[in-house]
C-alpha atoms as a PDB file:
ATOM      1  CA  UNK A   1     115.468  78.407  95.711  1.00  0.00           C
ATOM      2  CA  UNK A   2     118.857  79.138  94.252  1.00  0.00           C
ATOM      3  CA  UNK A   3     118.197  82.628  92.743  1.00  0.00           C
ATOM      4  CA  UNK A   4     116.778  85.828  93.951  1.00  0.00           C
ATOM      5  CA  UNK A   5     116.409  89.481  92.749  1.00  0.00           C
ATOM      6  CA  UNK A   6     118.275  92.304  94.529  1.00  0.00           C
ATOM      7  CA  UNK A   7     118.269  95.897  93.469  1.00  0.00           C
ATOM      8  CA  UNK A   8     118.093  95.314  89.727  1.00  0.00           C
ATOM      9  CA  UNK A   9     119.870  91.964  89.380  1.00  0.00           C
ATOM     10  CA  UNK A  10     119.073  88.297  89.536  1.00  0.00           C
ATOM     11  CA  UNK A  11     121.793  86.674  91.462  1.00  0.00           C
ATOM     12  CA  UNK A  12     122.501  83.377  93.439  1.00  0.00           C
ATOM     13  CA  UNK A  13     120.691  83.569  96.782  1.00  0.00           C
ATOM     14  CA  UNK A  14     123.962  82.627  98.632  1.00  0.00           C
ATOM     15  CA  UNK A  15     125.654  85.756  97.200  1.00  0.00           C
ATOM     16  CA  UNK A  16     122.880  88.166  98.120  1.00  0.00           C
ATOM     17  CA  UNK A  17     123.418  90.577 101.095  1.00  0.00           C
ATOM     18  CA  UNK A  18     122.064  93.799 102.557  1.00  0.00           C
ATOM     19  CA  UNK A  19     124.223  96.649 103.850  1.00  0.00           C
ATOM     20  CA  UNK A  20     124.172  96.604 107.695  1.00  0.00           C
ATOM     21  CA  UNK A  21     123.105 100.132 107.717  1.00  0.00           C
ATOM     22  CA  UNK A  22     119.973  99.501 105.709  1.00  0.00           C
ATOM     23  CA  UNK A  23     117.099 101.092 107.544  1.00  0.00           C
ATOM     24  CA  UNK A  24     115.134  97.877 107.001  1.00  0.00           C
ATOM     25  CA  UNK A  25     117.807  96.186 109.160  1.00  0.00           C
ATOM     26  CA  UNK A  26     118.440  98.942 111.694  1.00  0.00           C
ATOM     27  CA  UNK A  27     114.876 100.036 112.204  1.00  0.00           C
ATOM     28  CA  UNK A  28     112.659  97.452 110.566  1.00  0.00           C
ATOM     29  CA  UNK A  29     111.362 100.059 108.266  1.00  0.00           C
ATOM     30  CA  UNK A  30     109.922  98.497 105.137  1.00  0.00           C
ATOM     31  CA  UNK A  31     106.895  96.899 103.376  1.00  0.00           C
ATOM     32  CA  UNK A  32     106.435  93.621 101.623  1.00  0.00           C
ATOM     33  CA  UNK A  33     104.049  91.698  99.453  1.00  0.00           C
ATOM     34  CA  UNK A  34     103.424  88.082  99.428  1.00  0.00           C
ATOM     35  CA  UNK A  35     101.809  86.235  96.471  1.00  0.00           C
ATOM     36  CA  UNK A  36     101.717  82.932  94.924  1.00  0.00           C
ATOM     37  CA  UNK A  37     102.292  81.525  91.429  1.00  0.00           C
ATOM     38  CA  UNK A  38     100.099  78.698  90.168  1.00  0.00           C
ATOM     39  CA  UNK A  39     101.659  76.887  87.265  1.00  0.00           C
ATOM     40  CA  UNK A  40     104.095  79.703  86.682  1.00  0.00           C
ATOM     41  CA  UNK A  41     101.493  82.478  86.765  1.00  0.00           C
ATOM     42  CA  UNK A  42     101.359  84.999  89.686  1.00  0.00           C
ATOM     43  CA  UNK A  43      97.872  84.957  91.159  1.00  0.00           C
ATOM     44  CA  UNK A  44      95.969  88.223  91.527  1.00  0.00           C
ATOM     45  CA  UNK A  45      99.171  90.061  90.545  1.00  0.00           C
ATOM     46  CA  UNK A  46      97.438  93.400  89.786  1.00  0.00           C
ATOM     47  CA  UNK A  47      95.732  93.417  93.139  1.00  0.00           C
ATOM     48  CA  UNK A  48      98.925  92.538  94.950  1.00  0.00           C
ATOM     49  CA  UNK A  49     100.783  95.267  93.168  1.00  0.00           C
ATOM     50  CA  UNK A  50      98.113  97.883  94.063  1.00  0.00           C
ATOM     51  CA  UNK A  51      98.385  96.978  97.679  1.00  0.00           C
ATOM     52  CA  UNK A  52     102.179  96.899  97.529  1.00  0.00           C
ATOM     53  CA  UNK A  53     102.226 100.480  96.039  1.00  0.00           C
ATOM     54  CA  UNK A  54      99.788 101.701  98.737  1.00  0.00           C
ATOM     55  CA  UNK A  55     101.860 100.147 101.511  1.00  0.00           C
ATOM     56  CA  UNK A  56     104.980 101.845 100.125  1.00  0.00           C
ATOM     57  CA  UNK A  57     103.212 105.157  99.936  1.00  0.00           C
ATOM     58  CA  UNK A  58     102.153 104.801 103.535  1.00  0.00           C
ATOM     59  CA  UNK A  59     105.885 104.756 104.468  1.00  0.00           C
ATOM     60  CA  UNK A  60     106.810 107.368 102.026  1.00  0.00           C
ATOM     61  CA  UNK A  61     108.970 104.952 100.061  1.00  0.00           C
ATOM     62  CA  UNK A  62     109.104 105.120  96.204  1.00  0.00           C
ATOM     63  CA  UNK A  63     109.270 101.647  94.573  1.00  0.00           C
ATOM     64  CA  UNK A  64     112.277 101.698  92.259  1.00  0.00           C
ATOM     65  CA  UNK A  65     110.647  99.528  89.472  1.00  0.00           C
ATOM     66  CA  UNK A  66     107.294  99.629  87.849  1.00  0.00           C
ATOM     67  CA  UNK A  67     104.879  96.693  88.327  1.00  0.00           C
ATOM     68  CA  UNK A  68     105.462  95.549  84.659  1.00  0.00           C
ATOM     69  CA  UNK A  69     109.232  95.101  85.415  1.00  0.00           C
ATOM     70  CA  UNK A  70     108.481  93.386  88.703  1.00  0.00           C
ATOM     71  CA  UNK A  71     106.203  90.972  86.803  1.00  0.00           C
ATOM     72  CA  UNK A  72     108.878  90.225  84.278  1.00  0.00           C
ATOM     73  CA  UNK A  73     111.468  89.674  87.044  1.00  0.00           C
ATOM     74  CA  UNK A  74     109.102  87.144  88.671  1.00  0.00           C
ATOM     75  CA  UNK A  75     108.699  85.350  85.411  1.00  0.00           C
ATOM     76  CA  UNK A  76     112.492  85.110  84.947  1.00  0.00           C
ATOM     77  CA  UNK A  77     112.997  84.054  88.571  1.00  0.00           C
ATOM     78  CA  UNK A  78     110.480  81.243  88.100  1.00  0.00           C
ATOM     79  CA  UNK A  79     112.175  80.045  85.004  1.00  0.00           C
ATOM     80  CA  UNK A  80     115.659  80.276  86.475  1.00  0.00           C
ATOM     81  CA  UNK A  81     114.642  78.453  89.626  1.00  0.00           C
ATOM     82  CA  UNK A  82     112.824  75.741  87.729  1.00  0.00           C
ATOM     83  CA  UNK A  83     109.661  75.644  89.821  1.00  0.00           C
ATOM     84  CA  UNK A  84     106.253  76.742  88.695  1.00  0.00           C
ATOM     85  CA  UNK A  85     104.311  76.616  91.976  1.00  0.00           C
ATOM     86  CA  UNK A  86     106.003  78.939  94.402  1.00  0.00           C
ATOM     87  CA  UNK A  87     105.357  81.622  96.872  1.00  0.00           C
ATOM     88  CA  UNK A  88     106.761  85.097  96.007  1.00  0.00           C
ATOM     89  CA  UNK A  89     107.995  87.567  98.625  1.00  0.00           C
ATOM     90  CA  UNK A  90     108.684  91.146  97.441  1.00  0.00           C
ATOM     91  CA  UNK A  91     110.430  93.283 100.117  1.00  0.00           C
ATOM     92  CA  UNK A  92     110.978  97.067  99.923  1.00  0.00           C
ATOM     93  CA  UNK A  93     112.916  98.967 102.567  1.00  0.00           C
ATOM     94  CA  UNK A  94     113.915 102.601 102.867  1.00  0.00           C
ATOM     95  CA  UNK A  95     117.482 101.730 101.860  1.00  0.00           C
ATOM     96  CA  UNK A  96     120.633 103.186 103.489  1.00  0.00           C
ATOM     97  CA  UNK A  97     120.007 104.832 106.781  1.00  0.00           C
ATOM     98  CA  UNK A  98     120.967 108.493 107.180  1.00  0.00           C
ATOM     99  CA  UNK A  99     121.977 109.465 110.752  1.00  0.00           C
ATOM    100  CA  UNK A 100     120.680 106.028 111.855  1.00  0.00           C
ATOM    101  CA  UNK A 101     116.976 107.000 111.510  1.00  0.00           C
ATOM    102  CA  UNK A 102     116.402 108.896 108.244  1.00  0.00           C
ATOM    103  CA  UNK A 103     116.350 107.631 104.683  1.00  0.00           C
ATOM    104  CA  UNK A 104     116.251 108.775 100.958  1.00  0.00           C
ATOM    105  CA  UNK A 105     112.833 107.721  99.742  1.00  0.00           C
ATOM    106  CA  UNK A 106     114.166 107.714  96.152  1.00  0.00           C
ATOM    107  CA  UNK A 107     116.960 105.223  96.805  1.00  0.00           C
ATOM    108  CA  UNK A 108     115.305 102.157  98.475  1.00  0.00           C
ATOM    109  CA  UNK A 109     116.292  98.484  98.690  1.00  0.00           C
ATOM    110  CA  UNK A 110     114.118  96.012  96.826  1.00  0.00           C
ATOM    111  CA  UNK A 111     114.505  92.252  96.700  1.00  0.00           C
ATOM    112  CA  UNK A 112     112.343  89.390  95.588  1.00  0.00           C
ATOM    113  CA  UNK A 113     112.520  85.814  97.014  1.00  0.00           C
ATOM    114  CA  UNK A 114     110.853  82.666  95.813  1.00  0.00           C
ATOM    115  CA  UNK A 115     109.797  80.245  98.521  1.00  0.00           C
ATOM    116  CA  UNK A 116     108.570  76.682  98.576  1.00  0.00           C
ATOM    117  CA  UNK A 117     104.827  76.212  98.874  1.00  0.00           C
ATOM    118  CA  UNK A 118     103.834  74.298 102.030  1.00  0.00           C
ATOM    119  CA  UNK A 119     100.688  72.241 101.222  1.00  0.00           C
ATOM    120  CA  UNK A 120      97.723  72.676 103.524  1.00  0.00           C
ATOM    121  CA  UNK A 121      97.348  69.458 105.485  1.00  0.00           C
ATOM    122  CA  UNK A 122      94.148  67.524 104.467  1.00  0.00           C
ATOM    123  CA  UNK A 123      93.351  67.121 108.147  1.00  0.00           C
ATOM    124  CA  UNK A 124      93.084  70.983 108.514  1.00  0.00           C
ATOM    125  CA  UNK A 125      90.600  71.149 105.653  1.00  0.00           C
ATOM    126  CA  UNK A 126      88.493  68.251 106.942  1.00  0.00           C
ATOM    127  CA  UNK A 127      88.561  69.040 110.620  1.00  0.00           C
ATOM    128  CA  UNK A 128      89.271  72.737 110.734  1.00  0.00           C
ATOM    129  CA  UNK A 129      91.940  74.564 112.731  1.00  0.00           C
ATOM    130  CA  UNK A 130      92.302  76.424 116.079  1.00  0.00           C
ATOM    131  CA  UNK A 131      93.027  80.135 116.568  1.00  0.00           C
ATOM    132  CA  UNK A 132      94.203  81.820 119.773  1.00  0.00           C
ATOM    133  CA  UNK A 133      93.077  85.349 120.533  1.00  0.00           C
ATOM    134  CA  UNK A 134      95.219  88.330 121.483  1.00  0.00           C
ATOM    135  CA  UNK A 135      94.327  91.877 122.405  1.00  0.00           C
ATOM    136  CA  UNK A 136      96.232  93.804 119.687  1.00  0.00           C
ATOM    137  CA  UNK A 137      95.823  96.111 116.733  1.00  0.00           C
ATOM    138  CA  UNK A 138      98.540  96.566 114.167  1.00  0.00           C
ATOM    139  CA  UNK A 139     100.200  99.822 113.584  1.00  0.00           C
ATOM    140  CA  UNK A 140      99.140 101.176 110.164  1.00  0.00           C
ATOM    141  CA  UNK A 141      96.643  98.203 109.623  1.00  0.00           C
ATOM    142  CA  UNK A 142      96.200  99.153 105.906  1.00  0.00           C
ATOM    143  CA  UNK A 143      99.919  98.742 105.118  1.00  0.00           C
ATOM    144  CA  UNK A 144     101.661  95.366 104.775  1.00  0.00           C
ATOM    145  CA  UNK A 145     104.816  96.415 106.846  1.00  0.00           C
ATOM    146  CA  UNK A 146     107.717  94.186 107.763  1.00  0.00           C
ATOM    147  CA  UNK A 147     107.085  94.809 111.518  1.00  0.00           C
ATOM    148  CA  UNK A 148     105.974  91.400 112.813  1.00  0.00           C
ATOM    149  CA  UNK A 149     107.214  91.510 116.484  1.00  0.00           C
ATOM    150  CA  UNK A 150     103.937  90.374 118.099  1.00  0.00           C
ATOM    151  CA  UNK A 151     103.161  87.313 115.936  1.00  0.00           C
ATOM    152  CA  UNK A 152     106.695  86.183 116.059  1.00  0.00           C
ATOM    153  CA  UNK A 153     106.677  86.347 119.945  1.00  0.00           C
ATOM    154  CA  UNK A 154     103.427  84.438 119.863  1.00  0.00           C
ATOM    155  CA  UNK A 155     104.822  81.537 117.875  1.00  0.00           C
ATOM    156  CA  UNK A 156     105.664  79.503 120.980  1.00  0.00           C
ATOM    157  CA  UNK A 157     102.239  79.921 122.482  1.00  0.00           C
ATOM    158  CA  UNK A 158     100.600  78.936 119.223  1.00  0.00           C
ATOM    159  CA  UNK A 159     102.732  75.745 119.019  1.00  0.00           C
ATOM    160  CA  UNK A 160     101.984  74.871 122.604  1.00  0.00           C
ATOM    161  CA  UNK A 161      98.263  75.341 122.134  1.00  0.00           C
ATOM    162  CA  UNK A 162      98.158  73.659 118.748  1.00  0.00           C
ATOM    163  CA  UNK A 163      96.939  76.774 116.969  1.00  0.00           C
ATOM    164  CA  UNK A 164      97.354  77.731 113.343  1.00  0.00           C
ATOM    165  CA  UNK A 165      97.045  81.486 113.814  1.00  0.00           C
ATOM    166  CA  UNK A 166      96.686  84.345 116.306  1.00  0.00           C
ATOM    167  CA  UNK A 167      93.394  86.239 116.107  1.00  0.00           C
ATOM    168  CA  UNK A 168      93.676  89.926 116.907  1.00  0.00           C
ATOM    169  CA  UNK A 169      90.834  91.567 118.914  1.00  0.00           C
ATOM    170  CA  UNK A 170      90.717  95.226 120.060  1.00  0.00           C
ATOM    171  CA  UNK A 171      88.116  97.309 121.859  1.00  0.00           C
ATOM    172  CA  UNK A 172      85.712  94.406 121.950  1.00  0.00           C
ATOM    173  CA  UNK A 173      85.927  93.781 118.179  1.00  0.00           C
ATOM    174  CA  UNK A 174      87.406  91.004 116.141  1.00  0.00           C
ATOM    175  CA  UNK A 175      89.924  92.281 113.621  1.00  0.00           C
ATOM    176  CA  UNK A 176      92.193  89.888 111.704  1.00  0.00           C
ATOM    177  CA  UNK A 177      94.719  87.085 112.250  1.00  0.00           C
ATOM    178  CA  UNK A 178      98.467  87.695 112.180  1.00  0.00           C
ATOM    179  CA  UNK A 179      98.808  86.591 108.531  1.00  0.00           C
ATOM    180  CA  UNK A 180      95.292  86.076 107.353  1.00  0.00           C
ATOM    181  CA  UNK A 181      91.719  87.575 107.283  1.00  0.00           C
ATOM    182  CA  UNK A 182      88.883  86.236 109.422  1.00  0.00           C
ATOM    183  CA  UNK A 183      85.257  85.427 108.558  1.00  0.00           C
ATOM    184  CA  UNK A 184      82.164  84.185 110.438  1.00  0.00           C
ATOM    185  CA  UNK A 185      79.113  82.543 109.096  1.00  0.00           C
ATOM    186  CA  UNK A 186      75.724  82.894 110.591  1.00  0.00           C
ATOM    187  CA  UNK A 187      72.383  81.794 108.865  1.00  0.00           C
ATOM    188  CA  UNK A 188      74.325  81.254 105.680  1.00  0.00           C
ATOM    189  CA  UNK A 189      75.480  84.902 105.825  1.00  0.00           C
ATOM    190  CA  UNK A 190      79.210  85.494 105.481  1.00  0.00           C
ATOM    191  CA  UNK A 191      80.484  88.213 107.707  1.00  0.00           C
ATOM    192  CA  UNK A 192      83.983  89.786 107.908  1.00  0.00           C
ATOM    193  CA  UNK A 193      85.594  92.750 109.589  1.00  0.00           C
ATOM    194  CA  UNK A 194      85.853  95.907 107.471  1.00  0.00           C
ATOM    195  CA  UNK A 195      88.045  98.295 109.489  1.00  0.00           C
ATOM    196  CA  UNK A 196      91.442  98.308 111.078  1.00  0.00           C
ATOM    197  CA  UNK A 197      92.620  95.375 109.049  1.00  0.00           C
ATOM    198  CA  UNK A 198      94.849  94.634 106.129  1.00  0.00           C
ATOM    199  CA  UNK A 199      92.612  94.084 103.158  1.00  0.00           C
ATOM    200  CA  UNK A 200      93.876  90.747 101.902  1.00  0.00           C
ATOM    201  CA  UNK A 201      93.856  90.004  98.157  1.00  0.00           C
ATOM    202  CA  UNK A 202      92.639  86.534  98.843  1.00  0.00           C
ATOM    203  CA  UNK A 203      89.945  88.005 101.076  1.00  0.00           C
ATOM    204  CA  UNK A 204      88.665  90.060  98.189  1.00  0.00           C
ATOM    205  CA  UNK A 205      88.746  87.057  95.815  1.00  0.00           C
ATOM    206  CA  UNK A 206      86.875  84.877  98.253  1.00  0.00           C
ATOM    207  CA  UNK A 207      84.246  87.684  98.985  1.00  0.00           C
ATOM    208  CA  UNK A 208      83.507  87.758  95.255  1.00  0.00           C
ATOM    209  CA  UNK A 209      82.938  84.002  95.265  1.00  0.00           C
ATOM    210  CA  UNK A 210      80.762  84.236  98.424  1.00  0.00           C
ATOM    211  CA  UNK A 211      78.569  86.871  96.868  1.00  0.00           C
ATOM    212  CA  UNK A 212      77.555  84.417  94.127  1.00  0.00           C
ATOM    213  CA  UNK A 213      76.038  82.021  96.786  1.00  0.00           C
ATOM    214  CA  UNK A 214      75.349  83.923 100.056  1.00  0.00           C
ATOM    215  CA  UNK A 215      74.620  87.338 101.614  1.00  0.00           C
ATOM    216  CA  UNK A 216      77.787  89.119 102.574  1.00  0.00           C
ATOM    217  CA  UNK A 217      78.370  91.686 105.341  1.00  0.00           C
ATOM    218  CA  UNK A 218      81.567  93.679 105.697  1.00  0.00           C
ATOM    219  CA  UNK A 219      81.251  95.395 109.051  1.00  0.00           C
ATOM    220  CA  UNK A 220      82.434  95.544 112.692  1.00  0.00           C
ATOM    221  CA  UNK A 221      82.437  92.119 114.336  1.00  0.00           C
ATOM    222  CA  UNK A 222      81.847  91.938 118.089  1.00  0.00           C
ATOM    223  CA  UNK A 223      83.911  89.431 120.153  1.00  0.00           C
ATOM    224  CA  UNK A 224      80.573  88.031 121.484  1.00  0.00           C
ATOM    225  CA  UNK A 225      79.697  86.872 117.954  1.00  0.00           C
ATOM    226  CA  UNK A 226      82.325  84.230 118.208  1.00  0.00           C
ATOM    227  CA  UNK A 227      80.108  82.317 120.613  1.00  0.00           C
ATOM    228  CA  UNK A 228      77.056  82.317 118.337  1.00  0.00           C
ATOM    229  CA  UNK A 229      78.832  81.776 115.000  1.00  0.00           C
ATOM    230  CA  UNK A 230      77.853  78.680 113.093  1.00  0.00           C
ATOM    231  CA  UNK A 231      81.098  78.616 111.143  1.00  0.00           C
ATOM    232  CA  UNK A 232      84.275  80.478 110.742  1.00  0.00           C
ATOM    233  CA  UNK A 233      87.238  80.392 108.283  1.00  0.00           C
ATOM    234  CA  UNK A 234      90.378  82.343 107.395  1.00  0.00           C
ATOM    235  CA  UNK A 235      91.881  83.333 104.047  1.00  0.00           C
ATOM    236  CA  UNK A 236      95.454  84.037 102.926  1.00  0.00           C
ATOM    237  CA  UNK A 237      97.790  83.561 100.047  1.00  0.00           C
ATOM    238  CA  UNK A 238      99.366  80.569 101.666  1.00  0.00           C
ATOM    239  CA  UNK A 239      96.265  79.250 103.240  1.00  0.00           C
ATOM    240  CA  UNK A 240      93.699  79.805 100.506  1.00  0.00           C
ATOM    241  CA  UNK A 241      90.375  79.149 102.436  1.00  0.00           C
ATOM    242  CA  UNK A 242      90.884  77.384 105.738  1.00  0.00           C
ATOM    243  CA  UNK A 243      88.020  76.340 108.112  1.00  0.00           C
ATOM    244  CA  UNK A 244      88.189  77.310 111.752  1.00  0.00           C
ATOM    245  CA  UNK A 245      86.532  75.178 114.384  1.00  0.00           C
ATOM    246  CA  UNK A 246      87.988  76.431 117.614  1.00  0.00           C
ATOM    247  CA  UNK A 247      88.969  79.868 119.038  1.00  0.00           C
ATOM    248  CA  UNK A 248      90.682  79.553 122.311  1.00  0.00           C
ATOM    249  CA  UNK A 249      88.371  77.292 124.284  1.00  0.00           C
ATOM    250  CA  UNK A 250      85.239  78.244 122.291  1.00  0.00           C
ATOM    251  CA  UNK A 251      83.963  75.667 119.809  1.00  0.00           C
ATOM    252  CA  UNK A 252      82.654  77.252 116.590  1.00  0.00           C
ATOM    253  CA  UNK A 253      79.248  75.933 115.675  1.00  0.00           C
ATOM    254  CA  UNK A 254      79.077  72.153 116.282  1.00  0.00           C
ATOM    255  CA  UNK A 255      82.814  71.763 115.992  1.00  0.00           C
ATOM    256  CA  UNK A 256      82.742  70.481 112.476  1.00  0.00           C
ATOM    257  CA  UNK A 257      83.582  72.147 109.169  1.00  0.00           C
ATOM    258  CA  UNK A 258      80.395  73.626 107.913  1.00  0.00           C
ATOM    259  CA  UNK A 259      78.807  73.694 104.496  1.00  0.00           C
ATOM    260  CA  UNK A 260      79.629  77.256 103.642  1.00  0.00           C
ATOM    261  CA  UNK A 261      83.265  76.966 104.419  1.00  0.00           C
ATOM    262  CA  UNK A 262      83.384  73.644 102.447  1.00  0.00           C
ATOM    263  CA  UNK A 263      81.729  75.252  99.400  1.00  0.00           C
ATOM    264  CA  UNK A 264      84.255  78.194  99.426  1.00  0.00           C
ATOM    265  CA  UNK A 265      87.195  75.837  99.854  1.00  0.00           C
ATOM    266  CA  UNK A 266      86.103  73.849  96.843  1.00  0.00           C
ATOM    267  CA  UNK A 267      85.102  76.881  94.688  1.00  0.00           C
ATOM    268  CA  UNK A 268      88.469  78.472  95.385  1.00  0.00           C
ATOM    269  CA  UNK A 269      90.364  75.347  94.236  1.00  0.00           C
ATOM    270  CA  UNK A 270      88.156  74.961  91.132  1.00  0.00           C
ATOM    271  CA  UNK A 271      88.850  78.614  90.002  1.00  0.00           C
ATOM    272  CA  UNK A 272      92.566  78.624  90.932  1.00  0.00           C
ATOM    273  CA  UNK A 273      93.838  75.163  90.113  1.00  0.00           C
ATOM    274  CA  UNK A 274      91.945  74.809  86.926  1.00  0.00           C
END
């Protein structure tokens, strides 16, 4: 993409830069939001903005622009970059660092990038994907912060083991994946963790769909339930609904993509790509 938005201006991406003393650079102090535009329209925009504002509030940063202005900027960026199906990354940091570790919450840095959409491989939808587990719980799980040390460090292990995501577990409970939410299916009941996770916008959308067809439970999920699950899947902005057939060396169900995940994959596509 050739153009981005930085602190009030749409400018060529190659001309954009942050000050070296930005607290987002020095201390990794910031939040972000990641959404997708289908045919030029930001999907679940209101839900994403609500979460973005809550994340900023958690770090005591004041967003410098109202959501209506952000929506207009996204529209103009899409038009200027000439692509309608894109991922949108909104990043908010505390701005210029004071004494190396403080910041002025009323003078943040905000930038917006458009990114290419990487299609989900057909094989992943037909055969499911693998997750690898890790004992870990994110700091401030309810906020979408820019701190991604652990999942970045785990990328090599993911690649070596042919995994798509890292599944976080803590205190004997299944939590979430590094960039997605996790679901189990048992007896056609859709089950998903309810605490110590980031409440994904796609998660909420898929739960609404699931309630039309199945019983739904939002509750603690024990690690032992992975062994008895009939199906599993993950949801995320850039993954939509993605079936899971393997966690570490544990095969989920019979190792095939099940009917519940298949239905949700198809229903999601019908409602979003229409």
